[in-house]
């Protein structure tokens, strides 16, 4: 991987260039505003710059999108008033005392009922984390069941939920689809895209022409959904 600079008119972009054993180009932008270009090994610099010029509108749009939706990092206290995303919608957290403990969605709010103090953020976090884990298991399996119908696979892959700092999903040779737990924040169409992407890898391990042809056939408009996922929930 090397650091490069692309100049287009009055604009200048620094990017990471990663030559790989592949036949096509790939351009990604992450939430840190890092531009990553993957290309076939031995590609001439003029071909790389031609590719970037063709992708300039998309690149500029993606950078603006991340800048627009960049979030301030803060330490959550898990008390009333904070906002949490669930399946693409932001809910205001409401914590109240009660004779039982539960988490539920009520009239557009995320309500934690606790036997302890409403200001006990550690306990509130524990209750919310347990509820989210249960919802992930149900929702992710539901979406896998729906997406697998598009494929002719004989065996149903298993869902594995695992923290991944840079990926929304992954796959394994043991026929497992690995999903980032943060996907529960995103809308179902984003979850569907990630699952479909990983299911395509069971046939094509690399991001070559055949992989993208299969992805195009199984999930139309996936590029717009991918952009929404990375831009707003990345």
C-alpha atoms as a PDB file:
ATOM      1  CA  UNK A   1       0.000   0.000   0.000  1.00  0.00           C
ATOM      2  CA  UNK A   2       1.377   3.410  -0.984  1.00  0.00           C
ATOM      3  CA  UNK A   3       0.244   6.996  -0.502  1.00  0.00           C
ATOM      4  CA  UNK A   4      -0.630   8.816  -3.726  1.00  0.00           C
ATOM      5  CA  UNK A   5      -2.129  12.158  -4.735  1.00  0.00           C
ATOM      6  CA  UNK A   6      -4.778  12.709  -7.401  1.00  0.00           C
ATOM      7  CA  UNK A   7      -5.218  16.203  -8.882  1.00  0.00           C
ATOM      8  CA  UNK A   8      -8.441  17.034 -10.718  1.00  0.00           C
ATOM      9  CA  UNK A   9      -8.760  20.693 -11.661  1.00  0.00           C
ATOM     10  CA  UNK A  10      -8.616  22.722  -8.465  1.00  0.00           C
ATOM     11  CA  UNK A  11      -9.167  19.620  -6.307  1.00  0.00           C
ATOM     12  CA  UNK A  12      -6.468  17.478  -4.733  1.00  0.00           C
ATOM     13  CA  UNK A  13      -7.082  14.129  -3.080  1.00  0.00           C
ATOM     14  CA  UNK A  14      -4.653  11.949  -1.170  1.00  0.00           C
ATOM     15  CA  UNK A  15      -5.415   8.244  -1.439  1.00  0.00           C
ATOM     16  CA  UNK A  16      -4.042   4.831  -0.554  1.00  0.00           C
ATOM     17  CA  UNK A  17      -3.146   2.635  -3.533  1.00  0.00           C
ATOM     18  CA  UNK A  18      -3.287  -1.139  -3.007  1.00  0.00           C
ATOM     19  CA  UNK A  19      -2.142  -3.327  -5.951  1.00  0.00           C
ATOM     20  CA  UNK A  20      -3.761  -6.767  -5.779  1.00  0.00           C
ATOM     21  CA  UNK A  21      -4.182  -9.975  -7.761  1.00  0.00           C
ATOM     22  CA  UNK A  22      -7.397  -8.761  -9.389  1.00  0.00           C
ATOM     23  CA  UNK A  23      -8.689  -7.735 -12.816  1.00  0.00           C
ATOM     24  CA  UNK A  24     -10.769  -4.686 -11.932  1.00  0.00           C
ATOM     25  CA  UNK A  25     -10.448  -1.410 -10.067  1.00  0.00           C
ATOM     26  CA  UNK A  26     -12.120  -0.709  -6.740  1.00  0.00           C
ATOM     27  CA  UNK A  27     -12.694   2.670  -5.066  1.00  0.00           C
ATOM     28  CA  UNK A  28     -13.895   3.062  -1.475  1.00  0.00           C
ATOM     29  CA  UNK A  29     -14.175   5.905   1.013  1.00  0.00           C
ATOM     30  CA  UNK A  30     -14.433   5.198   4.739  1.00  0.00           C
ATOM     31  CA  UNK A  31     -15.929   7.377   7.494  1.00  0.00           C
ATOM     32  CA  UNK A  32     -12.456   8.702   8.313  1.00  0.00           C
ATOM     33  CA  UNK A  33     -12.436  10.267   4.797  1.00  0.00           C
ATOM     34  CA  UNK A  34      -9.693   7.886   3.693  1.00  0.00           C
ATOM     35  CA  UNK A  35      -9.761   7.114  -0.036  1.00  0.00           C
ATOM     36  CA  UNK A  36      -8.667   3.601  -0.956  1.00  0.00           C
ATOM     37  CA  UNK A  37      -7.988   2.473  -4.530  1.00  0.00           C
ATOM     38  CA  UNK A  38      -7.407  -1.177  -5.325  1.00  0.00           C
ATOM     39  CA  UNK A  39      -6.032  -2.057  -8.750  1.00  0.00           C
ATOM     40  CA  UNK A  40      -4.471  -4.972 -10.640  1.00  0.00           C
ATOM     41  CA  UNK A  41      -0.779  -5.411 -10.002  1.00  0.00           C
ATOM     42  CA  UNK A  42       1.397  -3.639 -12.578  1.00  0.00           C
ATOM     43  CA  UNK A  43      -1.229  -1.061 -13.529  1.00  0.00           C
ATOM     44  CA  UNK A  44       0.214   2.118 -15.042  1.00  0.00           C
ATOM     45  CA  UNK A  45      -0.349   5.386 -13.176  1.00  0.00           C
ATOM     46  CA  UNK A  46      -2.146   6.977 -16.125  1.00  0.00           C
ATOM     47  CA  UNK A  47      -4.775   4.200 -16.049  1.00  0.00           C
ATOM     48  CA  UNK A  48      -5.301   4.761 -12.330  1.00  0.00           C
ATOM     49  CA  UNK A  49      -5.815   8.486 -12.859  1.00  0.00           C
ATOM     50  CA  UNK A  50      -8.218   7.838 -15.742  1.00  0.00           C
ATOM     51  CA  UNK A  51     -10.236   5.603 -13.434  1.00  0.00           C
ATOM     52  CA  UNK A  52     -10.303   8.286 -10.724  1.00  0.00           C
ATOM     53  CA  UNK A  53     -11.418  10.975 -13.185  1.00  0.00           C
ATOM     54  CA  UNK A  54     -14.336   8.773 -14.240  1.00  0.00           C
ATOM     55  CA  UNK A  55     -15.252   8.252 -10.582  1.00  0.00           C
ATOM     56  CA  UNK A  56     -14.743  11.873  -9.535  1.00  0.00           C
ATOM     57  CA  UNK A  57     -18.446  12.774  -9.147  1.00  0.00           C
ATOM     58  CA  UNK A  58     -19.077   9.694  -6.996  1.00  0.00           C
ATOM     59  CA  UNK A  59     -15.899  10.322  -5.007  1.00  0.00           C
ATOM     60  CA  UNK A  60     -16.776  13.955  -4.299  1.00  0.00           C
ATOM     61  CA  UNK A  61     -20.328  13.021  -3.353  1.00  0.00           C
ATOM     62  CA  UNK A  62     -19.111  10.348  -0.964  1.00  0.00           C
ATOM     63  CA  UNK A  63     -16.658  12.676   0.743  1.00  0.00           C
ATOM     64  CA  UNK A  64     -19.333  15.353   1.153  1.00  0.00           C
ATOM     65  CA  UNK A  65     -21.719  12.758   2.519  1.00  0.00           C
ATOM     66  CA  UNK A  66     -19.323  11.614   5.215  1.00  0.00           C
ATOM     67  CA  UNK A  67     -18.550  15.191   6.152  1.00  0.00           C
ATOM     68  CA  UNK A  68     -22.262  16.008   6.388  1.00  0.00           C
ATOM     69  CA  UNK A  69     -23.091  13.064   8.586  1.00  0.00           C
ATOM     70  CA  UNK A  70     -19.908  12.994  10.629  1.00  0.00           C
ATOM     71  CA  UNK A  71     -20.861  12.319  14.214  1.00  0.00           C
ATOM     72  CA  UNK A  72     -19.326  13.698  17.360  1.00  0.00           C
ATOM     73  CA  UNK A  73     -18.027  10.951  19.575  1.00  0.00           C
ATOM     74  CA  UNK A  74     -19.209  11.147  23.149  1.00  0.00           C
ATOM     75  CA  UNK A  75     -19.462   8.874  26.134  1.00  0.00           C
ATOM     76  CA  UNK A  76     -23.005   7.544  26.414  1.00  0.00           C
ATOM     77  CA  UNK A  77     -24.563   7.654  29.848  1.00  0.00           C
ATOM     78  CA  UNK A  78     -27.646   5.539  29.043  1.00  0.00           C
ATOM     79  CA  UNK A  79     -30.065   7.995  30.598  1.00  0.00           C
ATOM     80  CA  UNK A  80     -33.281   9.600  29.349  1.00  0.00           C
ATOM     81  CA  UNK A  81     -32.881  11.962  26.424  1.00  0.00           C
ATOM     82  CA  UNK A  82     -30.126  10.199  24.517  1.00  0.00           C
ATOM     83  CA  UNK A  83     -30.760   9.023  20.967  1.00  0.00           C
ATOM     84  CA  UNK A  84     -30.240   5.481  19.670  1.00  0.00           C
ATOM     85  CA  UNK A  85     -30.621   4.114  16.143  1.00  0.00           C
ATOM     86  CA  UNK A  86     -32.585   0.910  15.619  1.00  0.00           C
ATOM     87  CA  UNK A  87     -33.368  -0.408  12.124  1.00  0.00           C
ATOM     88  CA  UNK A  88     -32.653   2.958  10.551  1.00  0.00           C
ATOM     89  CA  UNK A  89     -34.745   5.111  12.851  1.00  0.00           C
ATOM     90  CA  UNK A  90     -33.478   7.185  15.742  1.00  0.00           C
ATOM     91  CA  UNK A  91     -35.347   6.707  19.001  1.00  0.00           C
ATOM     92  CA  UNK A  92     -35.180   8.870  22.097  1.00  0.00           C
ATOM     93  CA  UNK A  93     -34.292   6.884  25.191  1.00  0.00           C
ATOM     94  CA  UNK A  94     -36.707   7.054  28.120  1.00  0.00           C
ATOM     95  CA  UNK A  95     -35.738   5.384  31.414  1.00  0.00           C
ATOM     96  CA  UNK A  96     -38.380   4.883  34.083  1.00  0.00           C
ATOM     97  CA  UNK A  97     -38.656   2.942  37.315  1.00  0.00           C
ATOM     98  CA  UNK A  98     -41.014   0.003  37.645  1.00  0.00           C
ATOM     99  CA  UNK A  99     -41.694  -3.258  39.430  1.00  0.00           C
ATOM    100  CA  UNK A 100     -40.176  -5.248  36.548  1.00  0.00           C
ATOM    101  CA  UNK A 101     -37.365  -4.777  34.006  1.00  0.00           C
ATOM    102  CA  UNK A 102     -37.877  -4.542  30.267  1.00  0.00           C
ATOM    103  CA  UNK A 103     -36.970  -2.705  27.079  1.00  0.00           C
ATOM    104  CA  UNK A 104     -39.584  -1.823  24.485  1.00  0.00           C
ATOM    105  CA  UNK A 105     -40.478   0.562  21.669  1.00  0.00           C
ATOM    106  CA  UNK A 106     -43.452   2.702  22.684  1.00  0.00           C
ATOM    107  CA  UNK A 107     -44.877   5.536  20.568  1.00  0.00           C
ATOM    108  CA  UNK A 108     -41.582   6.237  18.834  1.00  0.00           C
ATOM    109  CA  UNK A 109     -39.483   6.018  21.977  1.00  0.00           C
ATOM    110  CA  UNK A 110     -37.069   3.430  23.324  1.00  0.00           C
ATOM    111  CA  UNK A 111     -38.276   2.746  26.848  1.00  0.00           C
ATOM    112  CA  UNK A 112     -36.219   1.052  29.555  1.00  0.00           C
ATOM    113  CA  UNK A 113     -38.130   0.018  32.657  1.00  0.00           C
ATOM    114  CA  UNK A 114     -35.825  -0.723  35.578  1.00  0.00           C
ATOM    115  CA  UNK A 115     -36.092  -1.677  39.234  1.00  0.00           C
ATOM    116  CA  UNK A 116     -32.967   0.338  39.970  1.00  0.00           C
ATOM    117  CA  UNK A 117     -32.259   4.055  39.796  1.00  0.00           C
ATOM    118  CA  UNK A 118     -33.041   5.619  36.410  1.00  0.00           C
ATOM    119  CA  UNK A 119     -29.562   7.173  36.587  1.00  0.00           C
ATOM    120  CA  UNK A 120     -27.797   3.806  36.888  1.00  0.00           C
ATOM    121  CA  UNK A 121     -26.233   3.959  33.431  1.00  0.00           C
ATOM    122  CA  UNK A 122     -24.286   0.714  33.832  1.00  0.00           C
ATOM    123  CA  UNK A 123     -27.448  -1.261  34.568  1.00  0.00           C
ATOM    124  CA  UNK A 124     -29.416   0.549  31.864  1.00  0.00           C
ATOM    125  CA  UNK A 125     -26.711  -0.311  29.342  1.00  0.00           C
ATOM    126  CA  UNK A 126     -26.856  -3.953  30.420  1.00  0.00           C
ATOM    127  CA  UNK A 127     -30.624  -4.068  29.887  1.00  0.00           C
ATOM    128  CA  UNK A 128     -30.427  -2.361  26.491  1.00  0.00           C
ATOM    129  CA  UNK A 129     -27.513  -4.527  25.333  1.00  0.00           C
ATOM    130  CA  UNK A 130     -29.431  -7.705  26.201  1.00  0.00           C
ATOM    131  CA  UNK A 131     -32.494  -6.475  24.295  1.00  0.00           C
ATOM    132  CA  UNK A 132     -30.420  -5.522  21.256  1.00  0.00           C
ATOM    133  CA  UNK A 133     -28.723  -8.923  21.247  1.00  0.00           C
ATOM    134  CA  UNK A 134     -32.110 -10.632  21.209  1.00  0.00           C
ATOM    135  CA  UNK A 135     -33.314  -8.377  18.392  1.00  0.00           C
ATOM    136  CA  UNK A 136     -30.167  -9.026  16.360  1.00  0.00           C
ATOM    137  CA  UNK A 137     -30.653 -12.781  16.562  1.00  0.00           C
ATOM    138  CA  UNK A 138     -34.257 -12.494  15.368  1.00  0.00           C
ATOM    139  CA  UNK A 139     -33.811  -9.790  12.708  1.00  0.00           C
ATOM    140  CA  UNK A 140     -30.577 -11.090  11.200  1.00  0.00           C
ATOM    141  CA  UNK A 141     -31.974 -14.619  10.902  1.00  0.00           C
ATOM    142  CA  UNK A 142     -35.190 -13.274   9.413  1.00  0.00           C
ATOM    143  CA  UNK A 143     -33.278 -11.323   6.750  1.00  0.00           C
ATOM    144  CA  UNK A 144     -30.964 -14.280   5.998  1.00  0.00           C
ATOM    145  CA  UNK A 145     -34.010 -16.490   5.456  1.00  0.00           C
ATOM    146  CA  UNK A 146     -35.436 -13.919   3.041  1.00  0.00           C
ATOM    147  CA  UNK A 147     -32.194 -13.361   1.097  1.00  0.00           C
ATOM    148  CA  UNK A 148     -31.208 -17.031   0.838  1.00  0.00           C
ATOM    149  CA  UNK A 149     -34.286 -17.642  -1.323  1.00  0.00           C
ATOM    150  CA  UNK A 150     -32.519 -15.769  -4.140  1.00  0.00           C
ATOM    151  CA  UNK A 151     -29.758 -18.387  -4.189  1.00  0.00           C
ATOM    152  CA  UNK A 152     -29.840 -22.083  -4.945  1.00  0.00           C
ATOM    153  CA  UNK A 153     -27.674 -23.118  -2.043  1.00  0.00           C
ATOM    154  CA  UNK A 154     -28.402 -26.536  -0.565  1.00  0.00           C
ATOM    155  CA  UNK A 155     -27.159 -25.706   2.931  1.00  0.00           C
ATOM    156  CA  UNK A 156     -28.445 -22.788   4.991  1.00  0.00           C
ATOM    157  CA  UNK A 157     -25.479 -20.762   6.321  1.00  0.00           C
ATOM    158  CA  UNK A 158     -25.341 -19.939  10.010  1.00  0.00           C
ATOM    159  CA  UNK A 159     -25.409 -16.381  11.328  1.00  0.00           C
ATOM    160  CA  UNK A 160     -22.469 -15.335  13.519  1.00  0.00           C
ATOM    161  CA  UNK A 161     -22.494 -11.917  15.208  1.00  0.00           C
ATOM    162  CA  UNK A 162     -19.016 -10.503  15.732  1.00  0.00           C
ATOM    163  CA  UNK A 163     -17.495  -7.074  16.331  1.00  0.00           C
ATOM    164  CA  UNK A 164     -15.525  -5.946  13.257  1.00  0.00           C
ATOM    165  CA  UNK A 165     -13.861  -2.519  13.195  1.00  0.00           C
ATOM    166  CA  UNK A 166     -13.803  -2.098   9.412  1.00  0.00           C
ATOM    167  CA  UNK A 167     -16.395  -4.477   7.971  1.00  0.00           C
ATOM    168  CA  UNK A 168     -20.147  -4.803   8.027  1.00  0.00           C
ATOM    169  CA  UNK A 169     -19.989  -8.474   7.166  1.00  0.00           C
ATOM    170  CA  UNK A 170     -17.773 -11.385   6.255  1.00  0.00           C
ATOM    171  CA  UNK A 171     -18.034 -15.051   5.323  1.00  0.00           C
ATOM    172  CA  UNK A 172     -16.163 -18.236   6.118  1.00  0.00           C
ATOM    173  CA  UNK A 173     -15.449 -21.506   4.376  1.00  0.00           C
ATOM    174  CA  UNK A 174     -17.526 -23.206   7.079  1.00  0.00           C
ATOM    175  CA  UNK A 175     -20.631 -21.654   5.481  1.00  0.00           C
ATOM    176  CA  UNK A 176     -21.118 -18.929   8.056  1.00  0.00           C
ATOM    177  CA  UNK A 177     -22.266 -15.381   7.436  1.00  0.00           C
ATOM    178  CA  UNK A 178     -20.587 -13.080   9.954  1.00  0.00           C
ATOM    179  CA  UNK A 179     -22.392  -9.804  10.671  1.00  0.00           C
ATOM    180  CA  UNK A 180     -21.317  -6.706  12.552  1.00  0.00           C
ATOM    181  CA  UNK A 181     -23.648  -6.109  15.537  1.00  0.00           C
ATOM    182  CA  UNK A 182     -23.879  -2.412  14.564  1.00  0.00           C
ATOM    183  CA  UNK A 183     -25.955  -3.459  11.563  1.00  0.00           C
ATOM    184  CA  UNK A 184     -28.997  -3.455  13.863  1.00  0.00           C
ATOM    185  CA  UNK A 185     -28.765   0.345  13.720  1.00  0.00           C
ATOM    186  CA  UNK A 186     -29.347   0.363   9.966  1.00  0.00           C
ATOM    187  CA  UNK A 187     -32.543  -0.157   7.930  1.00  0.00           C
ATOM    188  CA  UNK A 188     -33.470  -3.634   6.776  1.00  0.00           C
ATOM    189  CA  UNK A 189     -32.520  -2.902   3.164  1.00  0.00           C
ATOM    190  CA  UNK A 190     -28.945  -2.263   4.353  1.00  0.00           C
ATOM    191  CA  UNK A 191     -28.937  -5.530   6.315  1.00  0.00           C
ATOM    192  CA  UNK A 192     -30.259  -7.295   3.219  1.00  0.00           C
ATOM    193  CA  UNK A 193     -27.477  -5.816   1.089  1.00  0.00           C
ATOM    194  CA  UNK A 194     -24.720  -6.957   3.475  1.00  0.00           C
ATOM    195  CA  UNK A 195     -26.152 -10.476   3.722  1.00  0.00           C
ATOM    196  CA  UNK A 196     -26.567 -10.711  -0.063  1.00  0.00           C
ATOM    197  CA  UNK A 197     -22.999  -9.483  -0.533  1.00  0.00           C
ATOM    198  CA  UNK A 198     -21.673 -12.231   1.736  1.00  0.00           C
ATOM    199  CA  UNK A 199     -23.852 -14.903   0.139  1.00  0.00           C
ATOM    200  CA  UNK A 200     -22.333 -13.976  -3.228  1.00  0.00           C
ATOM    201  CA  UNK A 201     -18.913 -14.746  -1.753  1.00  0.00           C
ATOM    202  CA  UNK A 202     -19.889 -18.379  -1.324  1.00  0.00           C
ATOM    203  CA  UNK A 203     -19.617 -18.619  -5.122  1.00  0.00           C
ATOM    204  CA  UNK A 204     -16.959 -16.015  -5.844  1.00  0.00           C
ATOM    205  CA  UNK A 205     -14.341 -15.391  -3.166  1.00  0.00           C
ATOM    206  CA  UNK A 206     -12.859 -12.235  -4.693  1.00  0.00           C
ATOM    207  CA  UNK A 207     -14.415  -8.992  -5.876  1.00  0.00           C
ATOM    208  CA  UNK A 208     -14.037  -9.775  -9.540  1.00  0.00           C
ATOM    209  CA  UNK A 209     -16.369  -9.282 -12.499  1.00  0.00           C
ATOM    210  CA  UNK A 210     -18.256 -12.509 -11.790  1.00  0.00           C
ATOM    211  CA  UNK A 211     -18.853 -11.490  -8.191  1.00  0.00           C
ATOM    212  CA  UNK A 212     -20.319  -8.114  -9.123  1.00  0.00           C
ATOM    213  CA  UNK A 213     -22.380  -9.651 -11.930  1.00  0.00           C
ATOM    214  CA  UNK A 214     -23.921 -12.019  -9.378  1.00  0.00           C
ATOM    215  CA  UNK A 215     -24.476  -9.212  -6.878  1.00  0.00           C
ATOM    216  CA  UNK A 216     -26.147  -7.079  -9.558  1.00  0.00           C
ATOM    217  CA  UNK A 217     -28.501  -9.939 -10.384  1.00  0.00           C
ATOM    218  CA  UNK A 218     -29.409 -10.683  -6.754  1.00  0.00           C
ATOM    219  CA  UNK A 219     -29.717  -7.147  -5.376  1.00  0.00           C
ATOM    220  CA  UNK A 220     -30.564  -4.313  -7.711  1.00  0.00           C
ATOM    221  CA  UNK A 221     -29.537  -0.803  -6.713  1.00  0.00           C
ATOM    222  CA  UNK A 222     -27.094  -2.204  -4.169  1.00  0.00           C
ATOM    223  CA  UNK A 223     -24.663   0.673  -4.751  1.00  0.00           C
ATOM    224  CA  UNK A 224     -27.138   3.266  -3.451  1.00  0.00           C
ATOM    225  CA  UNK A 225     -27.917   1.113  -0.412  1.00  0.00           C
ATOM    226  CA  UNK A 226     -24.212   0.585   0.272  1.00  0.00           C
ATOM    227  CA  UNK A 227     -23.637   4.337   0.076  1.00  0.00           C
ATOM    228  CA  UNK A 228     -26.461   4.993   2.556  1.00  0.00           C
ATOM    229  CA  UNK A 229     -25.101   2.388   4.959  1.00  0.00           C
ATOM    230  CA  UNK A 230     -21.539   3.678   4.914  1.00  0.00           C
ATOM    231  CA  UNK A 231     -22.486   7.335   4.878  1.00  0.00           C
ATOM    232  CA  UNK A 232     -25.074   7.450   7.641  1.00  0.00           C
ATOM    233  CA  UNK A 233     -24.253   4.443   9.816  1.00  0.00           C
ATOM    234  CA  UNK A 234     -20.552   3.901   9.213  1.00  0.00           C
END
